[in-house]
Each structure stands twice: as C-alpha cells, then as structure tokens.
C-alpha atoms as a PDB file:
ATOM      1  CA  MET A   1      29.527  19.941 -15.049  1.00  0.00           C
ATOM      2  CA  SER A   2      28.486  20.587 -18.651  1.00  0.00           C
ATOM      3  CA  ASN A   3      29.484  23.717 -20.575  1.00  0.00           C
ATOM      4  CA  HIS A   4      25.751  24.380 -20.944  1.00  0.00           C
ATOM      5  CA  SER A   5      25.362  24.650 -17.170  1.00  0.00           C
ATOM      6  CA  ILE A   6      28.424  26.865 -16.877  1.00  0.00           C
ATOM      7  CA  ASN A   7      26.978  29.229 -19.490  1.00  0.00           C
ATOM      8  CA  TYR A   8      23.896  29.692 -17.340  1.00  0.00           C
ATOM      9  CA  GLN A   9      26.109  30.380 -14.354  1.00  0.00           C
ATOM     10  CA  GLU A  10      27.639  33.259 -16.353  1.00  0.00           C
ATOM     11  CA  LYS A  11      24.181  34.828 -16.716  1.00  0.00           C
ATOM     12  CA  PHE A  12      23.645  34.758 -12.968  1.00  0.00           C
ATOM     13  CA  LYS A  13      26.687  36.993 -12.443  1.00  0.00           C
ATOM     14  CA  LEU A  14      24.546  39.917 -13.622  1.00  0.00           C
ATOM     15  CA  ILE A  15      21.398  38.998 -11.670  1.00  0.00           C
ATOM     16  CA  SER A  16      20.857  40.116  -8.067  1.00  0.00           C
ATOM     17  CA  THR A  17      19.417  37.910  -5.365  1.00  0.00           C
ATOM     18  CA  ALA A  18      16.649  40.507  -4.969  1.00  0.00           C
ATOM     19  CA  THR A  19      15.593  39.959  -8.580  1.00  0.00           C
ATOM     20  CA  LEU A  20      15.808  36.191  -8.146  1.00  0.00           C
ATOM     21  CA  ALA A  21      13.669  36.294  -5.007  1.00  0.00           C
ATOM     22  CA  THR A  22      10.971  38.271  -6.817  1.00  0.00           C
ATOM     23  CA  GLU A  23      10.960  35.926  -9.810  1.00  0.00           C
ATOM     24  CA  LEU A  24      10.686  32.876  -7.543  1.00  0.00           C
ATOM     25  CA  PHE A  25       7.889  34.569  -5.598  1.00  0.00           C
ATOM     26  CA  LYS A  26       5.955  34.914  -8.879  1.00  0.00           C
ATOM     27  CA  ARG A  27       6.077  31.118  -9.078  1.00  0.00           C
ATOM     28  CA  GLY A  28       4.800  30.691  -5.530  1.00  0.00           C
ATOM     29  CA  LEU A  29       8.224  29.950  -3.999  1.00  0.00           C
ATOM     30  CA  LYS A  30       8.454  32.170  -0.928  1.00  0.00           C
ATOM     31  CA  ASN A  31      11.086  30.410   1.174  1.00  0.00           C
ATOM     32  CA  GLN A  32      14.205  30.236  -1.017  1.00  0.00           C
ATOM     33  CA  CYS A  33      16.422  32.744   0.829  1.00  0.00           C
ATOM     34  CA  ILE A  34      18.740  31.110   3.362  1.00  0.00           C
ATOM     35  CA  GLN A  35      18.141  32.781   6.715  1.00  0.00           C
ATOM     36  CA  GLY A  36      20.648  33.943   9.307  1.00  0.00           C
ATOM     37  CA  VAL A  37      23.778  33.992   7.130  1.00  0.00           C
ATOM     38  CA  SER A  38      25.985  36.750   5.742  1.00  0.00           C
ATOM     39  CA  ALA A  39      29.059  36.967   3.552  1.00  0.00           C
ATOM     40  CA  LEU A  40      32.351  36.358   5.330  1.00  0.00           C
ATOM     41  CA  HIS A  41      34.635  36.992   2.333  1.00  0.00           C
ATOM     42  CA  HIS A  42      35.684  40.576   1.555  1.00  0.00           C
ATOM     43  CA  SER A  43      36.266  40.189  -2.192  1.00  0.00           C
ATOM     44  CA  GLY A  44      32.667  40.922  -3.180  1.00  0.00           C
ATOM     45  CA  LYS A  45      32.747  37.895  -5.495  1.00  0.00           C
ATOM     46  CA  LYS A  46      29.321  36.344  -6.084  1.00  0.00           C
ATOM     47  CA  LEU A  47      28.489  32.858  -4.928  1.00  0.00           C
ATOM     48  CA  ILE A  48      27.209  30.865  -7.929  1.00  0.00           C
ATOM     49  CA  GLY A  49      27.133  27.111  -8.259  1.00  0.00           C
ATOM     50  CA  PRO A  50      25.141  23.901  -7.845  1.00  0.00           C
ATOM     51  CA  ALA A  51      24.709  22.518  -4.351  1.00  0.00           C
ATOM     52  CA  PHE A  52      26.824  19.661  -3.016  1.00  0.00           C
ATOM     53  CA  THR A  53      25.622  18.993   0.505  1.00  0.00           C
ATOM     54  CA  LEU A  54      26.990  17.879   3.868  1.00  0.00           C
ATOM     55  CA  ARG A  55      24.715  17.159   6.832  1.00  0.00           C
ATOM     56  CA  TYR A  56      25.629  17.301  10.510  1.00  0.00           C
ATOM     57  CA  ILE A  57      23.720  15.759  13.397  1.00  0.00           C
ATOM     58  CA  PRO A  58      24.348  16.441  17.108  1.00  0.00           C
ATOM     59  CA  ALA A  59      27.671  14.965  18.192  1.00  0.00           C
ATOM     60  CA  ARG A  60      27.762  12.043  20.589  1.00  0.00           C
ATOM     61  CA  GLU A  61      30.832  12.080  22.790  1.00  0.00           C
ATOM     62  CA  ASP A  62      31.834   8.440  22.305  1.00  0.00           C
ATOM     63  CA  LEU A  63      31.811   8.846  18.520  1.00  0.00           C
ATOM     64  CA  ASN A  64      33.477  12.216  18.079  1.00  0.00           C
ATOM     65  CA  GLY A  65      36.902  12.316  19.672  1.00  0.00           C
ATOM     66  CA  LEU A  66      39.741  14.018  17.794  1.00  0.00           C
ATOM     67  CA  GLU A  67      40.994  10.634  16.610  1.00  0.00           C
ATOM     68  CA  VAL A  68      38.091  10.347  14.127  1.00  0.00           C
ATOM     69  CA  PHE A  69      39.894  12.777  11.827  1.00  0.00           C
ATOM     70  CA  LYS A  70      42.585  10.115  11.283  1.00  0.00           C
ATOM     71  CA  ASP A  71      40.024   8.182   9.265  1.00  0.00           C
ATOM     72  CA  PRO A  72      40.440   9.134   5.567  1.00  0.00           C
ATOM     73  CA  ASP A  73      36.770   8.279   5.083  1.00  0.00           C
ATOM     74  CA  HIS A  74      35.531  10.775   7.655  1.00  0.00           C
ATOM     75  CA  PRO A  75      32.464  12.350   5.960  1.00  0.00           C
ATOM     76  CA  GLN A  76      33.607  15.950   6.455  1.00  0.00           C
ATOM     77  CA  ARG A  77      36.954  15.227   4.771  1.00  0.00           C
ATOM     78  CA  VAL A  78      35.286  13.177   2.035  1.00  0.00           C
ATOM     79  CA  ALA A  79      32.902  16.045   1.280  1.00  0.00           C
ATOM     80  CA  VAL A  80      35.786  18.503   0.948  1.00  0.00           C
ATOM     81  CA  GLU A  81      37.707  16.161  -1.357  1.00  0.00           C
ATOM     82  CA  THR A  82      34.724  15.174  -3.544  1.00  0.00           C
ATOM     83  CA  CYS A  83      32.755  18.408  -3.879  1.00  0.00           C
ATOM     84  CA  PRO A  84      32.840  18.867  -7.680  1.00  0.00           C
ATOM     85  CA  GLU A  85      34.580  21.737  -9.446  1.00  0.00           C
ATOM     86  CA  HIS A  86      32.319  24.820  -9.775  1.00  0.00           C
ATOM     87  CA  SER A  87      29.993  23.479  -7.048  1.00  0.00           C
ATOM     88  CA  VAL A  88      29.091  25.011  -3.679  1.00  0.00           C
ATOM     89  CA  LEU A  89      29.485  23.004  -0.476  1.00  0.00           C
ATOM     90  CA  VAL A  90      26.310  23.565   1.549  1.00  0.00           C
ATOM     91  CA  ILE A  91      26.454  22.475   5.193  1.00  0.00           C
ATOM     92  CA  ASP A  92      23.463  21.748   7.387  1.00  0.00           C
ATOM     93  CA  SER A  93      24.690  22.671  10.868  1.00  0.00           C
ATOM     94  CA  ARG A  94      21.193  22.893  12.377  1.00  0.00           C
ATOM     95  CA  LYS A  95      21.674  26.680  12.762  1.00  0.00           C
ATOM     96  CA  ASP A  96      24.077  25.938  15.628  1.00  0.00           C
ATOM     97  CA  ALA A  97      27.204  28.096  15.560  1.00  0.00           C
ATOM     98  CA  ARG A  98      28.469  27.133  19.009  1.00  0.00           C
ATOM     99  CA  ALA A  99      31.018  24.931  17.223  1.00  0.00           C
ATOM    100  CA  ALA A 100      32.592  25.542  13.821  1.00  0.00           C
ATOM    101  CA  SER A 101      31.303  23.879  10.681  1.00  0.00           C
ATOM    102  CA  ALA A 102      34.778  24.074   9.101  1.00  0.00           C
ATOM    103  CA  GLY A 103      37.986  26.104   9.217  1.00  0.00           C
ATOM    104  CA  SER A 104      40.445  27.821   6.915  1.00  0.00           C
ATOM    105  CA  ILE A 105      42.426  24.699   5.930  1.00  0.00           C
ATOM    106  CA  LEU A 106      39.379  22.816   4.616  1.00  0.00           C
ATOM    107  CA  ILE A 107      37.947  25.909   2.945  1.00  0.00           C
ATOM    108  CA  THR A 108      41.274  26.726   1.313  1.00  0.00           C
ATOM    109  CA  ARG A 109      41.306  23.169  -0.020  1.00  0.00           C
ATOM    110  CA  LEU A 110      37.882  23.731  -1.606  1.00  0.00           C
ATOM    111  CA  PHE A 111      39.188  26.968  -3.118  1.00  0.00           C
ATOM    112  CA  LYS A 112      42.246  25.262  -4.580  1.00  0.00           C
ATOM    113  CA  ARG A 113      40.134  22.411  -5.965  1.00  0.00           C
ATOM    114  CA  GLY A 114      38.106  24.866  -8.059  1.00  0.00           C
ATOM    115  CA  CYS A 115      34.880  24.828  -6.074  1.00  0.00           C
ATOM    116  CA  SER A 116      32.688  27.923  -6.215  1.00  0.00           C
ATOM    117  CA  GLY A 117      32.004  28.586  -2.547  1.00  0.00           C
ATOM    118  CA  ILE A 118      30.763  27.340   0.802  1.00  0.00           C
ATOM    119  CA  ILE A 119      27.809  28.120   3.037  1.00  0.00           C
ATOM    120  CA  THR A 120      26.735  26.936   6.460  1.00  0.00           C
ATOM    121  CA  ASP A 121      23.902  27.944   8.745  1.00  0.00           C
ATOM    122  CA  GLY A 122      26.449  27.544  11.562  1.00  0.00           C
ATOM    123  CA  GLY A 123      29.829  29.250  11.933  1.00  0.00           C
ATOM    124  CA  PHE A 124      33.412  29.019  10.664  1.00  0.00           C
ATOM    125  CA  ARG A 125      36.641  29.123  12.659  1.00  0.00           C
ATOM    126  CA  ASP A 126      39.759  30.959  11.392  1.00  0.00           C
ATOM    127  CA  SER A 127      37.282  33.498  10.071  1.00  0.00           C
ATOM    128  CA  SER A 128      39.829  36.241   9.304  1.00  0.00           C
ATOM    129  CA  GLU A 129      41.829  33.844   7.109  1.00  0.00           C
ATOM    130  CA  ILE A 130      38.697  32.717   5.277  1.00  0.00           C
ATOM    131  CA  ALA A 131      37.592  36.308   4.807  1.00  0.00           C
ATOM    132  CA  ALA A 132      40.856  37.095   3.010  1.00  0.00           C
ATOM    133  CA  LEU A 133      40.327  34.354   0.404  1.00  0.00           C
ATOM    134  CA  ASP A 134      38.877  35.225  -2.998  1.00  0.00           C
ATOM    135  CA  PHE A 135      36.315  32.548  -2.277  1.00  0.00           C
ATOM    136  CA  PRO A 136      32.617  33.172  -1.544  1.00  0.00           C
ATOM    137  CA  SER A 137      31.856  31.996   1.993  1.00  0.00           C
ATOM    138  CA  TYR A 138      28.720  32.539   4.073  1.00  0.00           C
ATOM    139  CA  HIS A 139      28.036  31.728   7.719  1.00  0.00           C
ATOM    140  CA  SER A 140      26.127  33.017  10.723  1.00  0.00           C
ATOM    141  CA  ARG A 141      29.097  34.091  12.867  1.00  0.00           C
ATOM    142  CA  PRO A 142      32.686  33.140  13.780  1.00  0.00           C
ATOM    143  CA  SER A 143      33.104  30.115  16.029  1.00  0.00           C
ATOM    144  CA  ALA A 144      36.365  28.857  17.516  1.00  0.00           C
ATOM    145  CA  PRO A 145      35.483  25.338  18.838  1.00  0.00           C
ATOM    146  CA  THR A 146      36.112  22.355  16.571  1.00  0.00           C
ATOM    147  CA  ASN A 147      33.039  20.930  14.871  1.00  0.00           C
ATOM    148  CA  LEU A 148      33.462  17.689  16.850  1.00  0.00           C
ATOM    149  CA  THR A 149      32.347  19.545  19.964  1.00  0.00           C
ATOM    150  CA  LEU A 150      28.755  19.633  18.754  1.00  0.00           C
ATOM    151  CA  HIS A 151      28.528  18.253  15.206  1.00  0.00           C
ATOM    152  CA  GLN A 152      28.902  14.822  13.667  1.00  0.00           C
ATOM    153  CA  ALA A 153      29.221  14.750   9.870  1.00  0.00           C
ATOM    154  CA  ILE A 154      26.827  12.054   8.734  1.00  0.00           C
ATOM    155  CA  GLY A 155      25.385  12.576   5.239  1.00  0.00           C
ATOM    156  CA  ILE A 156      26.928  13.591   1.907  1.00  0.00           C
ATOM    157  CA  ASN A 157      25.039  14.967  -1.093  1.00  0.00           C
ATOM    158  CA  GLU A 158      21.525  14.328   0.129  1.00  0.00           C
ATOM    159  CA  PRO A 159      18.599  16.733   0.686  1.00  0.00           C
ATOM    160  CA  ILE A 160      19.268  18.980   3.673  1.00  0.00           C
ATOM    161  CA  SER A 161      18.022  22.065   5.448  1.00  0.00           C
ATOM    162  CA  CYS A 162      20.236  25.146   5.510  1.00  0.00           C
ATOM    163  CA  GLY A 163      18.963  28.297   7.176  1.00  0.00           C
ATOM    164  CA  ASP A 164      15.362  27.019   7.067  1.00  0.00           C
ATOM    165  CA  VAL A 165      15.495  26.333   3.314  1.00  0.00           C
ATOM    166  CA  ALA A 166      15.294  22.894   1.695  1.00  0.00           C
ATOM    167  CA  VAL A 167      18.420  22.348  -0.420  1.00  0.00           C
ATOM    168  CA  PHE A 168      18.598  19.442  -2.852  1.00  0.00           C
ATOM    169  CA  PRO A 169      21.822  18.369  -4.571  1.00  0.00           C
ATOM    170  CA  GLY A 170      22.028  20.184  -7.900  1.00  0.00           C
ATOM    171  CA  ASP A 171      19.928  23.177  -6.850  1.00  0.00           C
ATOM    172  CA  LEU A 172      21.658  26.423  -7.799  1.00  0.00           C
ATOM    173  CA  LEU A 173      23.021  28.660  -5.046  1.00  0.00           C
ATOM    174  CA  VAL A 174      23.372  32.371  -5.848  1.00  0.00           C
ATOM    175  CA  GLY A 175      24.740  34.725  -3.196  1.00  0.00           C
ATOM    176  CA  ASP A 176      25.581  38.422  -3.035  1.00  0.00           C
ATOM    177  CA  ALA A 177      25.611  41.151  -0.386  1.00  0.00           C
ATOM    178  CA  ASP A 178      21.865  40.700   0.210  1.00  0.00           C
ATOM    179  CA  GLY A 179      22.007  36.971   0.955  1.00  0.00           C
ATOM    180  CA  VAL A 180      21.850  33.555  -0.678  1.00  0.00           C
ATOM    181  CA  ILE A 181      19.016  32.250  -2.854  1.00  0.00           C
ATOM    182  CA  VAL A 182      18.336  28.576  -3.631  1.00  0.00           C
ATOM    183  CA  ILE A 183      16.944  27.947  -7.137  1.00  0.00           C
ATOM    184  CA  PRO A 184      15.360  24.517  -7.699  1.00  0.00           C
ATOM    185  CA  GLN A 185      17.294  22.585 -10.324  1.00  0.00           C
ATOM    186  CA  HIS A 186      14.392  22.279 -12.763  1.00  0.00           C
ATOM    187  CA  LEU A 187      13.915  26.068 -12.814  1.00  0.00           C
ATOM    188  CA  ILE A 188      17.518  27.162 -13.326  1.00  0.00           C
ATOM    189  CA  GLU A 189      17.431  27.818 -17.073  1.00  0.00           C
ATOM    190  CA  GLU A 190      13.959  29.388 -16.984  1.00  0.00           C
ATOM    191  CA  ILE A 191      14.901  31.692 -14.102  1.00  0.00           C
ATOM    192  CA  ALA A 192      18.140  32.691 -15.847  1.00  0.00           C
ATOM    193  CA  GLU A 193      16.251  33.813 -18.947  1.00  0.00           C
ATOM    194  CA  THR A 194      13.434  35.677 -17.235  1.00  0.00           C
ATOM    195  CA  CYS A 195      15.690  37.357 -14.676  1.00  0.00           C
ATOM    196  CA  ALA A 196      18.159  38.477 -17.336  1.00  0.00           C
ATOM    197  CA  GLU A 197      15.302  40.365 -19.010  1.00  0.00           C
ATOM    198  CA  MET A 198      14.078  41.688 -15.661  1.00  0.00           C
ATOM    199  CA  THR A 199      17.575  42.935 -14.854  1.00  0.00           C
ATOM    200  CA  LEU A 200      17.670  44.822 -18.162  1.00  0.00           C
ATOM    201  CA  PHE A 201      14.332  46.418 -17.382  1.00  0.00           C
ATOM    202  CA  GLU A 202      15.478  47.423 -13.905  1.00  0.00           C
ATOM    203  CA  ASP A 203      18.596  49.026 -15.425  1.00  0.00           C
ATOM    204  CA  PHE A 204      16.320  50.979 -17.757  1.00  0.00           C
ATOM    205  CA  VAL A 205      14.077  52.039 -14.860  1.00  0.00           C
ATOM    206  CA  MET A 206      17.033  53.129 -12.741  1.00  0.00           C
ATOM    207  CA  GLU A 207      18.362  55.263 -15.567  1.00  0.00           C
ATOM    208  CA  ARG A 208      14.973  56.974 -15.904  1.00  0.00           C
ATOM    209  CA  VAL A 209      14.663  57.500 -12.141  1.00  0.00           C
ATOM    210  CA  ILE A 210      18.137  59.055 -11.979  1.00  0.00           C
ATOM    211  CA  GLN A 211      17.003  61.392 -14.755  1.00  0.00           C
ATOM    212  CA  GLY A 212      14.064  62.460 -12.561  1.00  0.00           C
ATOM    213  CA  ALA A 213      11.208  60.275 -13.833  1.00  0.00           C
ATOM    214  CA  SER A 214       8.305  59.305 -11.567  1.00  0.00           C
ATOM    215  CA  ILE A 215       7.901  55.628 -10.773  1.00  0.00           C
ATOM    216  CA  ARG A 216       4.165  55.864 -11.525  1.00  0.00           C
ATOM    217  CA  GLY A 217       3.507  53.989 -14.714  1.00  0.00           C
ATOM    218  CA  LEU A 218       7.190  53.132 -14.918  1.00  0.00           C
ATOM    219  CA  TYR A 219       7.687  50.601 -12.147  1.00  0.00           C
ATOM    220  CA  PRO A 220       5.661  48.471 -12.636  1.00  0.00           C
ATOM    221  CA  PRO A 221       5.189  49.421 -16.313  1.00  0.00           C
ATOM    222  CA  THR A 222       1.452  50.147 -16.216  1.00  0.00           C
ATOM    223  CA  ASN A 223       1.874  52.907 -18.791  1.00  0.00           C
ATOM    224  CA  PRO A 224       1.973  51.176 -22.217  1.00  0.00           C
ATOM    225  CA  GLU A 225       4.553  53.701 -23.411  1.00  0.00           C
ATOM    226  CA  THR A 226       7.006  52.426 -20.823  1.00  0.00           C
ATOM    227  CA  LEU A 227       7.544  49.102 -22.570  1.00  0.00           C
ATOM    228  CA  VAL A 228       7.768  50.835 -25.949  1.00  0.00           C
ATOM    229  CA  ASP A 229      10.487  53.102 -24.546  1.00  0.00           C
ATOM    230  CA  PHE A 230      12.200  50.082 -23.000  1.00  0.00           C
ATOM    231  CA  GLU A 231      12.454  48.320 -26.379  1.00  0.00           C
ATOM    232  CA  LYS A 232      13.898  51.469 -27.953  1.00  0.00           C
ATOM    233  CA  TRP A 233      16.360  51.757 -25.067  1.00  0.00           C
ATOM    234  CA  LYS A 234      17.534  48.171 -25.590  1.00  0.00           C
ATOM    235  CA  GLU A 235      18.223  48.892 -29.261  1.00  0.00           C
ATOM    236  CA  ILE A 236      20.237  51.989 -28.406  1.00  0.00           C
ATOM    237  CA  GLN A 237      22.142  50.111 -25.706  1.00  0.00           C
ATOM    238  CA  ASP A 238      22.584  47.110 -28.023  1.00  0.00           C
ATOM    239  CA  ARG A 239      21.427  44.798 -25.225  1.00  0.00           C
END
C-alpha cells in the first residue's frame, strides 16, 4: 500500500461512520453500512483499511472433511497468509453464523501479519480470545462449529456480498461502535476531505449546543452567521 493511501487512512481515524453514512447518502449511496454485525473486540480501536475478500459457498460433505486443511493451498489459509498489511479481510459467509467463519488462531495470524482487521456476516469461534486482541473484528454472533460444517472457502479477492453490501477489493472499510461502512475505492480521497470538514463543523456545533445554543439555524447552518462563526472558531482552534 502506498504512503498516500495510508495518509488518508489517518484522516478516517477522526471521522465517524455516522458522518460517512451521511456523506455517502448525499451522493445517492444508501446501502453502504454492513448489516447484522457488531464489534467483537473490546479495545475500541477503529477498523480502517482496504478490503481483501474471501467468499464462502455452502459446504458439500464430500469436499469438506477435516483433511482439506492439510492442503497448504486451501483458500481460507491462503487468504489469511496473503491478506496485505494494513488491509481488512472481509468474509462473505452468506449471513450464516451456524458455523464459524474463522477462529482465534487464524485471526491472531492476521493481527501478527500487520493486517487492520476482519469482518464477517457470519460468526467467529473462540470469541473471547478474539475479543481480547487489540485487533478490530466484527461478526454477527459467536459460533462454535468449524467452518467446514457449512462453509466452503471458494473465492479470494473478488467482489462479494457482506451483510447485504457489495464489497469490491480495494474498497475502504471503516468501522466503529456504530457499525461498518464500505466506501467505494474511487471515492476514498474525496470522502476523506469532505468528511474531515464535516467533522470539524459537527465539533463546532456540539460545542455550541453544550453552551446552550438552539439547533435552529445552527444545524443545518441555515443562518448565514453560523458559517461565519464557524470560520472564526476554526481560526481560534487552529484547525
């Protein structure tokens, strides 16, 4: 990943998924929030990174015995070992958490390799161990059975669905306590710039509201004086 891309990732640390969702909505993108998932990790660390995808299909019993894991080219293992540094492994589990999408050993390996997080619309096993990692992880619920029970890993780094959202390799994943947003790759830099300014304005508005100001004319800034005051505030704050 280029240093340029990493610099934009730094900006997203200060931008909430709520702000991102609103900015994407302005562009007509209404279905960018991955549904049915929540943060498993307890660290509070944000999920930020480009998507590297893994797709599961329904398992067929004659193809998914435990012996398949002996194959070093098994797609699940390959995905864990090739997901690039700073990227997020996104797993399409067809919203089926009856069997795990992965467990603590594979997710710890991603953590140690320098990846930025993992998300599945299914479930993880060893959930308490994963939760203790300083590694952003999102799933629908804990699930003890091995993935082979119901899932066959079949596709690596191709367009997938995760939680009813289309995810293309290279799209940016941003996750916080409110959920996970998918930002199309061609909009990443534009969204970073506009949302950074929106975040500043929301900080300004919150400060005024705490001081007792009415939201009328302030949020949205229909009173022309609001934007004048905002520019003065930015100068004082040196932001």
